[in-house]
Amino acid sequence: MTLPSTNAGAVAPKKELLRGCLIAAAVAAVLLTVAVLPAEYGIDPTGAGKALGLTKLHSAALPPGEPAKAAGTVAPAPKGSTVSAPGEVRALTIASKQTVAYRADTQEITLAPGKGVEVKTHLAKGATLIFSWKTTKGEALNHDFHGEPVNAKGDEFESFILENDVSQSSGALIAPFTGVHGWYWKNKTDAPVTVVLQASGFYTDIFKK
């Protein structure tokens, strides 16, 4: 009488164990793909997570204002800053590296009765000009802070600050075009008026026109 081999009984449990491990791994992979990735990371390669409402769990866990990223998409390039002060609408940022040396000048300009005088600077596009002026005795003048492109026609200019009957003014400009930028004052009185102008920035010269 031949006894059955004892190895047969040992092999069967090993096969069952291996098959059980494979089934468990497959189930885990399905759960990872269908449930865990959509709920925890917002990654939904099969679309089942969206159908089951699991991707909403990920969106709810994000900080306020941070959108969920779709799986397989490339993050967009960073946009310009949106930083602003409370209660303000952000203005356009205009900044540029300056190639002309910084300078500061003080000018005294005397206007004859009933006459006008211009003082100009040469500014390249993107260069900055800051100024402040006042009359020595508080007399009122008409003031036009303006600019004109290189080789401009007679009527080709832009007024940036236009004021009547003022004794002082101040401002700043980042030149929108290369050209001649500066001030025009008109003395409407019957006596000479002296203006003290303080200018600074990245202009190449300052002159009376």
Protein backbone atom coordinates (compact mmCIF):
# COMPACT_ATOMS: atom_id res chain seq x y z
CA MET A 1 0.00 0.00 0.00
CA THR A 2 1.41 3.35 -1.07
CA LEU A 3 0.90 6.37 1.17
CA PRO A 4 0.04 9.69 -0.49
CA SER A 5 2.92 12.10 -0.76
CA THR A 6 2.99 14.65 2.07
CA ASN A 7 4.26 17.40 -0.38
CA ALA A 8 0.90 17.56 -2.20
CA GLY A 9 -0.81 18.92 0.89
CA ALA A 10 1.94 21.47 1.38
CA VAL A 11 1.90 22.74 -2.19
CA ALA A 12 -1.84 23.46 -2.22
CA PRO A 13 -1.78 25.90 0.70
CA LYS A 14 1.16 27.77 -0.88
CA LYS A 15 -0.74 28.21 -4.13
CA GLU A 16 -3.81 29.41 -2.25
CA LEU A 17 -1.68 31.87 -0.26
CA LEU A 18 -0.05 33.25 -3.40
CA ARG A 19 -3.40 33.64 -5.11
CA GLY A 20 -4.81 35.38 -2.04
CA CYS A 21 -1.89 37.82 -2.01
CA LEU A 22 -2.36 38.61 -5.68
CA ILE A 23 -6.08 39.20 -5.20
CA ALA A 24 -5.42 41.45 -2.20
CA ALA A 25 -2.84 43.46 -4.16
CA ALA A 26 -5.26 43.86 -7.08
CA VAL A 27 -8.04 45.04 -4.75
CA ALA A 28 -5.65 47.49 -3.08
CA ALA A 29 -4.59 48.87 -6.46
CA VAL A 30 -8.22 49.36 -7.47
CA LEU A 31 -9.03 51.12 -4.21
CA LEU A 32 -5.94 53.31 -4.58
CA THR A 33 -6.89 54.31 -8.13
CA VAL A 34 -10.64 54.67 -7.63
CA ALA A 35 -10.88 56.01 -4.08
CA VAL A 36 -7.65 57.14 -2.40
CA LEU A 37 -6.07 59.13 -5.25
CA PRO A 38 -9.25 61.11 -6.09
CA ALA A 39 -10.14 61.80 -2.44
CA GLU A 40 -6.69 62.58 -1.05
CA TYR A 41 -4.78 64.03 -4.01
CA GLY A 42 -7.42 65.01 -6.56
CA ILE A 43 -5.92 62.56 -9.09
CA ASP A 44 -8.67 60.74 -11.00
CA PRO A 45 -7.20 58.77 -13.95
CA THR A 46 -10.31 56.62 -14.44
CA GLY A 47 -13.03 59.19 -13.84
CA ALA A 48 -14.61 56.95 -11.24
CA GLY A 49 -13.63 59.28 -8.42
CA LYS A 50 -15.62 62.13 -9.96
CA ALA A 51 -18.57 59.85 -10.60
CA LEU A 52 -18.54 58.73 -6.98
CA GLY A 53 -18.10 62.27 -5.67
CA LEU A 54 -14.69 61.54 -4.15
CA THR A 55 -12.86 64.41 -5.88
CA LYS A 56 -15.09 66.83 -3.95
CA LEU A 57 -13.46 65.62 -0.75
CA HIS A 58 -10.08 66.77 -2.08
CA SER A 59 -11.45 70.16 -3.17
CA ALA A 60 -13.01 70.70 0.24
CA ALA A 61 -9.66 70.05 1.94
CA LEU A 62 -7.80 72.71 -0.07
CA PRO A 63 -7.06 76.12 1.50
CA PRO A 64 -9.57 78.81 0.48
CA GLY A 65 -8.84 80.24 -2.95
CA GLU A 66 -6.53 77.39 -4.01
CA PRO A 67 -7.95 75.53 -7.03
CA ALA A 68 -7.65 71.79 -7.42
CA LYS A 69 -5.13 70.58 -9.99
CA ALA A 70 -6.38 68.07 -12.53
CA ALA A 71 -4.36 64.91 -12.96
CA GLY A 72 -1.95 64.94 -15.84
CA THR A 73 -2.16 68.70 -16.40
CA VAL A 74 0.78 71.07 -16.40
CA ALA A 75 0.62 73.89 -13.88
CA PRO A 76 0.23 77.28 -15.65
CA ALA A 77 3.12 79.72 -15.68
CA PRO A 78 3.03 82.13 -12.72
CA LYS A 79 1.15 85.32 -13.49
CA GLY A 80 2.01 88.82 -12.30
CA SER A 81 1.59 89.64 -8.65
CA THR A 82 -1.93 90.36 -7.40
CA VAL A 83 -0.79 91.87 -4.10
CA SER A 84 -2.76 94.97 -3.13
CA ALA A 85 -3.52 97.01 -0.04
CA PRO A 86 -6.87 96.50 1.73
CA GLY A 87 -9.63 98.51 0.08
CA GLU A 88 -7.55 99.42 -2.97
CA VAL A 89 -7.65 98.33 -6.59
CA ARG A 90 -4.14 97.34 -7.63
CA ALA A 91 -2.48 99.71 -10.10
CA LEU A 92 -0.38 98.65 -13.05
CA THR A 93 3.23 97.93 -12.07
CA ILE A 94 5.72 99.92 -14.13
CA ALA A 95 9.36 99.33 -13.26
CA SER A 96 12.51 99.33 -15.34
CA LYS A 97 16.25 99.24 -14.81
CA GLN A 98 17.82 102.65 -15.45
CA THR A 99 20.89 103.05 -17.63
CA VAL A 100 21.34 106.82 -17.30
CA ALA A 101 23.07 108.08 -14.15
CA TYR A 102 20.83 109.51 -11.43
CA ARG A 103 21.01 113.28 -11.00
CA ALA A 104 19.36 116.10 -9.05
CA ASP A 105 19.09 119.77 -10.04
CA THR A 106 17.74 123.01 -8.61
CA GLN A 107 16.78 125.79 -11.00
CA GLU A 108 15.57 129.35 -10.43
CA ILE A 109 13.50 130.62 -13.34
CA THR A 110 12.22 134.19 -13.61
CA LEU A 111 9.08 134.81 -15.63
CA ALA A 112 8.54 138.28 -17.03
CA PRO A 113 5.07 139.85 -16.63
CA GLY A 114 2.56 138.20 -18.94
CA LYS A 115 5.15 135.79 -20.34
CA GLY A 116 5.71 132.05 -20.30
CA VAL A 117 8.85 129.94 -19.88
CA GLU A 118 9.62 126.28 -20.59
CA VAL A 119 12.22 124.09 -18.86
CA LYS A 120 12.82 120.68 -20.39
CA THR A 121 14.73 117.43 -19.83
CA HIS A 122 15.64 114.62 -22.20
CA LEU A 123 14.16 111.34 -21.01
CA ALA A 124 14.33 107.90 -22.56
CA LYS A 125 11.28 105.67 -22.55
CA GLY A 126 10.90 104.14 -19.08
CA ALA A 127 13.15 106.73 -17.38
CA THR A 128 11.90 108.40 -14.21
CA LEU A 129 11.58 112.12 -13.46
CA ILE A 130 10.51 113.51 -10.05
CA PHE A 131 9.92 117.20 -9.40
CA SER A 132 8.69 119.86 -7.03
CA TRP A 133 8.40 123.60 -7.66
CA LYS A 134 6.98 126.72 -6.03
CA THR A 135 7.01 130.46 -6.55
CA THR A 136 9.15 132.46 -4.13
CA LYS A 137 6.35 134.78 -2.95
CA GLY A 138 3.33 132.54 -3.43
CA GLU A 139 2.31 134.04 -6.78
CA ALA A 140 -0.12 131.98 -8.86
CA LEU A 141 0.85 130.67 -12.29
CA ASN A 142 -0.57 128.43 -14.97
CA HIS A 143 1.40 125.16 -15.15
CA ASP A 144 1.66 122.45 -17.80
CA PHE A 145 3.89 119.43 -17.15
CA HIS A 146 4.11 117.73 -20.52
CA GLY A 147 6.23 115.80 -23.00
CA GLU A 148 6.77 115.43 -26.71
CA PRO A 149 8.43 112.66 -28.74
CA VAL A 150 11.71 113.08 -30.58
CA ASN A 151 11.17 115.03 -33.84
CA ALA A 152 7.56 115.77 -32.85
CA LYS A 153 5.33 117.97 -34.98
CA GLY A 154 4.12 121.27 -33.59
CA ASP A 155 0.90 119.87 -32.11
CA GLU A 156 2.29 116.48 -31.12
CA PHE A 157 2.65 116.50 -27.32
CA GLU A 158 0.96 115.12 -24.20
CA SER A 159 0.07 117.06 -21.04
CA PHE A 160 0.55 114.95 -17.89
CA ILE A 161 -0.36 117.60 -15.28
CA LEU A 162 -2.29 120.69 -16.32
CA GLU A 163 -3.08 123.31 -13.64
CA ASN A 164 -4.28 126.92 -13.47
CA ASP A 165 -3.64 129.46 -10.71
CA VAL A 166 -1.25 127.40 -8.60
CA SER A 167 1.79 128.58 -6.65
CA GLN A 168 3.39 125.16 -6.29
CA SER A 169 3.19 121.61 -7.61
CA SER A 170 4.97 118.27 -7.48
CA GLY A 171 4.82 114.98 -9.31
CA ALA A 172 6.60 112.05 -10.88
CA LEU A 173 6.73 110.56 -14.35
CA ILE A 174 7.91 107.32 -15.90
CA ALA A 175 8.32 108.44 -19.48
CA PRO A 176 5.90 106.65 -21.84
CA PHE A 177 8.07 107.56 -24.84
CA THR A 178 11.56 108.85 -25.57
CA GLY A 179 11.58 112.60 -25.96
CA VAL A 180 11.65 115.99 -24.27
CA HIS A 181 9.69 116.26 -21.02
CA GLY A 182 9.29 119.23 -18.71
CA TRP A 183 7.36 122.26 -17.51
CA TYR A 184 5.69 125.33 -18.94
CA TRP A 185 4.67 128.20 -16.68
CA LYS A 186 2.63 131.25 -17.67
CA ASN A 187 2.87 134.42 -15.58
CA LYS A 188 -0.46 136.25 -15.79
CA THR A 189 0.55 139.00 -13.38
CA ASP A 190 2.03 142.42 -14.17
CA ALA A 191 5.20 141.72 -12.14
CA PRO A 192 8.12 139.29 -12.52
CA VAL A 193 7.69 135.92 -10.77
CA THR A 194 10.51 133.58 -9.74
CA VAL A 195 10.00 129.82 -9.70
CA VAL A 196 12.30 127.48 -7.76
CA LEU A 197 12.33 124.05 -9.43
CA GLN A 198 13.80 120.92 -7.85
CA ALA A 199 14.12 117.99 -10.22
CA SER A 200 15.71 114.57 -9.91
CA GLY A 201 15.76 111.33 -11.85
CA PHE A 202 17.39 109.65 -14.80
CA TYR A 203 17.40 112.40 -17.43
CA THR A 204 20.44 113.39 -19.46
CA ASP A 205 20.14 117.17 -19.19
CA ILE A 206 17.93 120.08 -18.11
CA PHE A 207 17.61 123.31 -20.05
CA LYS A 208 15.46 126.38 -20.60
CA LYS A 209 13.66 126.42 -23.94
